[in-house]
């Protein structure tokens, strides 16, 4: 069971010396059979805190399914983008509850 606040599944930290850091989470790919409710953006959320972001699982996922997420971090100095990092998250959801 997942609490209403969600459960943190990943945290990404950026450097402190940049003026601003933007984070973006998107679903890249979902592999599941037709009878399985596939993951959507409503299953996930992000919480940004200065130079870091946490990815939260807000709703349980039905299995089996494989979900690929992409979390990107763009760093800025003087309003100009200076770099980008990408974290790939692979979630493998079992059909069995543990």
Foldseek 3Di string as FASTA:
>chain_A
DADQVFDFDDKDFDDQPFPQKDKDKDWDDKDDDPVFDTDDCVQWDWDDDRGMITIGGRDDGADQMKTKMKMKMWTHHPRDTDDMDIDIDIDGDHNDDD
